[in-house]
Protein backbone atom coordinates (compact mmCIF):
# COMPACT_ATOMS: atom_id res chain seq x y z
CA UNK A 1 0.00 0.00 0.00
CA UNK A 2 1.46 3.31 -0.97
CA UNK A 3 1.35 6.41 1.19
CA UNK A 4 -1.12 7.99 -1.22
CA UNK A 5 -3.50 5.02 -0.95
CA UNK A 6 -3.08 4.90 2.80
CA UNK A 7 -4.07 8.57 3.12
CA UNK A 8 -7.62 7.54 2.22
CA UNK A 9 -7.79 6.08 5.73
CA UNK A 10 -7.36 8.11 8.89
CA UNK A 11 -3.73 8.41 9.93
CA UNK A 12 -2.74 8.84 13.54
CA UNK A 13 -0.90 11.96 14.66
CA UNK A 14 2.29 9.89 14.98
CA UNK A 15 1.94 8.56 11.44
CA UNK A 16 1.42 12.06 10.07
CA UNK A 17 4.43 13.37 11.98
CA UNK A 18 6.64 10.58 10.67
CA UNK A 19 5.43 11.06 7.10
CA UNK A 20 6.20 14.77 7.28
CA UNK A 21 9.60 14.20 8.89
CA UNK A 22 10.74 11.66 6.32
CA UNK A 23 9.69 13.07 2.97
CA UNK A 24 13.10 12.12 1.60
CA UNK A 25 14.68 8.68 1.25
CA UNK A 26 16.98 7.38 3.96
CA UNK A 27 19.88 5.01 3.56
CA UNK A 28 19.43 1.41 4.67
CA UNK A 29 21.68 2.15 7.65
CA UNK A 30 19.57 5.13 8.67
CA UNK A 31 16.37 3.11 8.23
CA UNK A 32 17.72 0.38 10.49
CA UNK A 33 18.75 2.95 13.10
CA UNK A 34 15.30 4.55 12.93
CA UNK A 35 13.61 1.16 13.32
CA UNK A 36 15.74 0.33 16.36
CA UNK A 37 14.97 3.68 17.97
CA UNK A 38 11.25 3.26 17.37
CA UNK A 39 11.37 -0.22 18.90
CA UNK A 40 13.22 1.17 21.94
CA UNK A 41 10.61 3.91 22.31
CA UNK A 42 7.69 1.48 22.03
CA UNK A 43 9.37 -0.93 24.46
CA UNK A 44 9.78 1.90 26.96
CA UNK A 45 6.07 2.76 26.67
CA UNK A 46 5.17 -0.91 27.12
CA UNK A 47 7.36 -1.18 30.23
CA UNK A 48 5.74 1.93 31.69
CA UNK A 49 2.28 0.46 31.13
CA UNK A 50 3.35 -2.88 32.60
CA UNK A 51 4.71 -1.17 35.70
CA UNK A 52 1.44 0.75 36.08
CA UNK A 53 -0.57 -2.48 35.92
CA UNK A 54 1.75 -4.27 38.36
CA UNK A 55 1.39 -1.41 40.86
CA UNK A 56 -2.38 -1.13 40.39
CA UNK A 57 -2.88 -4.85 40.93
CA UNK A 58 -0.31 -4.92 43.77
CA UNK A 59 1.53 -7.77 42.11
CA UNK A 60 4.75 -9.23 43.46
CA UNK A 61 7.62 -10.77 41.49
CA UNK A 62 6.23 -14.16 42.52
CA UNK A 63 2.90 -13.25 40.90
CA UNK A 64 4.54 -12.46 37.58
CA UNK A 65 7.12 -15.27 37.59
CA UNK A 66 5.57 -18.01 35.47
CA UNK A 67 6.80 -20.77 33.23
CA UNK A 68 8.03 -18.99 30.10
CA UNK A 69 7.20 -21.98 27.94
CA UNK A 70 3.57 -20.93 28.25
CA UNK A 71 2.43 -24.28 29.68
CA UNK A 72 0.35 -22.58 32.37
CA UNK A 73 -0.51 -19.41 30.50
CA UNK A 74 -4.30 -19.79 30.77
CA UNK A 75 -4.11 -20.41 34.50
CA UNK A 76 -1.76 -17.45 34.92
CA UNK A 77 -4.04 -15.11 32.97
CA UNK A 78 -7.03 -16.23 35.03
CA UNK A 79 -5.05 -15.45 38.20
CA UNK A 80 -4.19 -11.94 36.98
CA UNK A 81 -7.76 -11.22 35.92
CA UNK A 82 -9.10 -12.43 39.26
CA UNK A 83 -7.05 -9.72 41.02
CA UNK A 84 -8.96 -6.90 39.33
C-alpha atoms as a PDB file:
ATOM      1  CA  UNK A   1       0.000   0.000   0.000  1.00  0.00           C
ATOM      2  CA  UNK A   2       1.458   3.307  -0.973  1.00  0.00           C
ATOM      3  CA  UNK A   3       1.349   6.410   1.189  1.00  0.00           C
ATOM      4  CA  UNK A   4      -1.116   7.990  -1.220  1.00  0.00           C
ATOM      5  CA  UNK A   5      -3.504   5.020  -0.953  1.00  0.00           C
ATOM      6  CA  UNK A   6      -3.075   4.904   2.801  1.00  0.00           C
ATOM      7  CA  UNK A   7      -4.075   8.574   3.120  1.00  0.00           C
ATOM      8  CA  UNK A   8      -7.625   7.545   2.223  1.00  0.00           C
ATOM      9  CA  UNK A   9      -7.793   6.085   5.726  1.00  0.00           C
ATOM     10  CA  UNK A  10      -7.356   8.115   8.892  1.00  0.00           C
ATOM     11  CA  UNK A  11      -3.727   8.414   9.930  1.00  0.00           C
ATOM     12  CA  UNK A  12      -2.736   8.845  13.543  1.00  0.00           C
ATOM     13  CA  UNK A  13      -0.902  11.960  14.658  1.00  0.00           C
ATOM     14  CA  UNK A  14       2.287   9.888  14.977  1.00  0.00           C
ATOM     15  CA  UNK A  15       1.943   8.565  11.435  1.00  0.00           C
ATOM     16  CA  UNK A  16       1.424  12.064  10.065  1.00  0.00           C
ATOM     17  CA  UNK A  17       4.426  13.365  11.977  1.00  0.00           C
ATOM     18  CA  UNK A  18       6.643  10.576  10.669  1.00  0.00           C
ATOM     19  CA  UNK A  19       5.434  11.055   7.100  1.00  0.00           C
ATOM     20  CA  UNK A  20       6.200  14.765   7.278  1.00  0.00           C
ATOM     21  CA  UNK A  21       9.598  14.198   8.891  1.00  0.00           C
ATOM     22  CA  UNK A  22      10.741  11.656   6.319  1.00  0.00           C
ATOM     23  CA  UNK A  23       9.686  13.066   2.968  1.00  0.00           C
ATOM     24  CA  UNK A  24      13.104  12.116   1.604  1.00  0.00           C
ATOM     25  CA  UNK A  25      14.675   8.677   1.246  1.00  0.00           C
ATOM     26  CA  UNK A  26      16.982   7.382   3.964  1.00  0.00           C
ATOM     27  CA  UNK A  27      19.880   5.009   3.557  1.00  0.00           C
ATOM     28  CA  UNK A  28      19.425   1.412   4.674  1.00  0.00           C
ATOM     29  CA  UNK A  29      21.684   2.151   7.648  1.00  0.00           C
ATOM     30  CA  UNK A  30      19.574   5.128   8.670  1.00  0.00           C
ATOM     31  CA  UNK A  31      16.368   3.113   8.229  1.00  0.00           C
ATOM     32  CA  UNK A  32      17.723   0.385  10.493  1.00  0.00           C
ATOM     33  CA  UNK A  33      18.747   2.952  13.096  1.00  0.00           C
ATOM     34  CA  UNK A  34      15.295   4.552  12.931  1.00  0.00           C
ATOM     35  CA  UNK A  35      13.613   1.165  13.318  1.00  0.00           C
ATOM     36  CA  UNK A  36      15.740   0.328  16.358  1.00  0.00           C
ATOM     37  CA  UNK A  37      14.972   3.681  17.965  1.00  0.00           C
ATOM     38  CA  UNK A  38      11.247   3.258  17.371  1.00  0.00           C
ATOM     39  CA  UNK A  39      11.370  -0.222  18.898  1.00  0.00           C
ATOM     40  CA  UNK A  40      13.222   1.167  21.940  1.00  0.00           C
ATOM     41  CA  UNK A  41      10.609   3.907  22.305  1.00  0.00           C
ATOM     42  CA  UNK A  42       7.686   1.484  22.033  1.00  0.00           C
ATOM     43  CA  UNK A  43       9.366  -0.927  24.458  1.00  0.00           C
ATOM     44  CA  UNK A  44       9.782   1.902  26.955  1.00  0.00           C
ATOM     45  CA  UNK A  45       6.071   2.760  26.668  1.00  0.00           C
ATOM     46  CA  UNK A  46       5.174  -0.909  27.123  1.00  0.00           C
ATOM     47  CA  UNK A  47       7.363  -1.183  30.230  1.00  0.00           C
ATOM     48  CA  UNK A  48       5.740   1.933  31.690  1.00  0.00           C
ATOM     49  CA  UNK A  49       2.283   0.460  31.129  1.00  0.00           C
ATOM     50  CA  UNK A  50       3.351  -2.881  32.597  1.00  0.00           C
ATOM     51  CA  UNK A  51       4.713  -1.167  35.704  1.00  0.00           C
ATOM     52  CA  UNK A  52       1.438   0.753  36.083  1.00  0.00           C
ATOM     53  CA  UNK A  53      -0.573  -2.477  35.915  1.00  0.00           C
ATOM     54  CA  UNK A  54       1.749  -4.265  38.358  1.00  0.00           C
ATOM     55  CA  UNK A  55       1.387  -1.412  40.865  1.00  0.00           C
ATOM     56  CA  UNK A  56      -2.381  -1.128  40.392  1.00  0.00           C
ATOM     57  CA  UNK A  57      -2.876  -4.854  40.928  1.00  0.00           C
ATOM     58  CA  UNK A  58      -0.313  -4.923  43.768  1.00  0.00           C
ATOM     59  CA  UNK A  59       1.527  -7.774  42.112  1.00  0.00           C
ATOM     60  CA  UNK A  60       4.754  -9.225  43.458  1.00  0.00           C
ATOM     61  CA  UNK A  61       7.625 -10.774  41.494  1.00  0.00           C
ATOM     62  CA  UNK A  62       6.232 -14.161  42.523  1.00  0.00           C
ATOM     63  CA  UNK A  63       2.897 -13.245  40.897  1.00  0.00           C
ATOM     64  CA  UNK A  64       4.537 -12.465  37.585  1.00  0.00           C
ATOM     65  CA  UNK A  65       7.118 -15.271  37.593  1.00  0.00           C
ATOM     66  CA  UNK A  66       5.569 -18.009  35.468  1.00  0.00           C
ATOM     67  CA  UNK A  67       6.801 -20.769  33.232  1.00  0.00           C
ATOM     68  CA  UNK A  68       8.032 -18.993  30.100  1.00  0.00           C
ATOM     69  CA  UNK A  69       7.198 -21.983  27.935  1.00  0.00           C
ATOM     70  CA  UNK A  70       3.568 -20.935  28.254  1.00  0.00           C
ATOM     71  CA  UNK A  71       2.434 -24.276  29.685  1.00  0.00           C
ATOM     72  CA  UNK A  72       0.347 -22.578  32.369  1.00  0.00           C
ATOM     73  CA  UNK A  73      -0.514 -19.412  30.500  1.00  0.00           C
ATOM     74  CA  UNK A  74      -4.301 -19.792  30.767  1.00  0.00           C
ATOM     75  CA  UNK A  75      -4.111 -20.411  34.496  1.00  0.00           C
ATOM     76  CA  UNK A  76      -1.758 -17.451  34.923  1.00  0.00           C
ATOM     77  CA  UNK A  77      -4.043 -15.108  32.966  1.00  0.00           C
ATOM     78  CA  UNK A  78      -7.031 -16.227  35.027  1.00  0.00           C
ATOM     79  CA  UNK A  79      -5.049 -15.452  38.196  1.00  0.00           C
ATOM     80  CA  UNK A  80      -4.191 -11.942  36.985  1.00  0.00           C
ATOM     81  CA  UNK A  81      -7.761 -11.221  35.920  1.00  0.00           C
ATOM     82  CA  UNK A  82      -9.099 -12.426  39.264  1.00  0.00           C
ATOM     83  CA  UNK A  83      -7.051  -9.725  41.020  1.00  0.00           C
ATOM     84  CA  UNK A  84      -8.958  -6.896  39.332  1.00  0.00           C
END
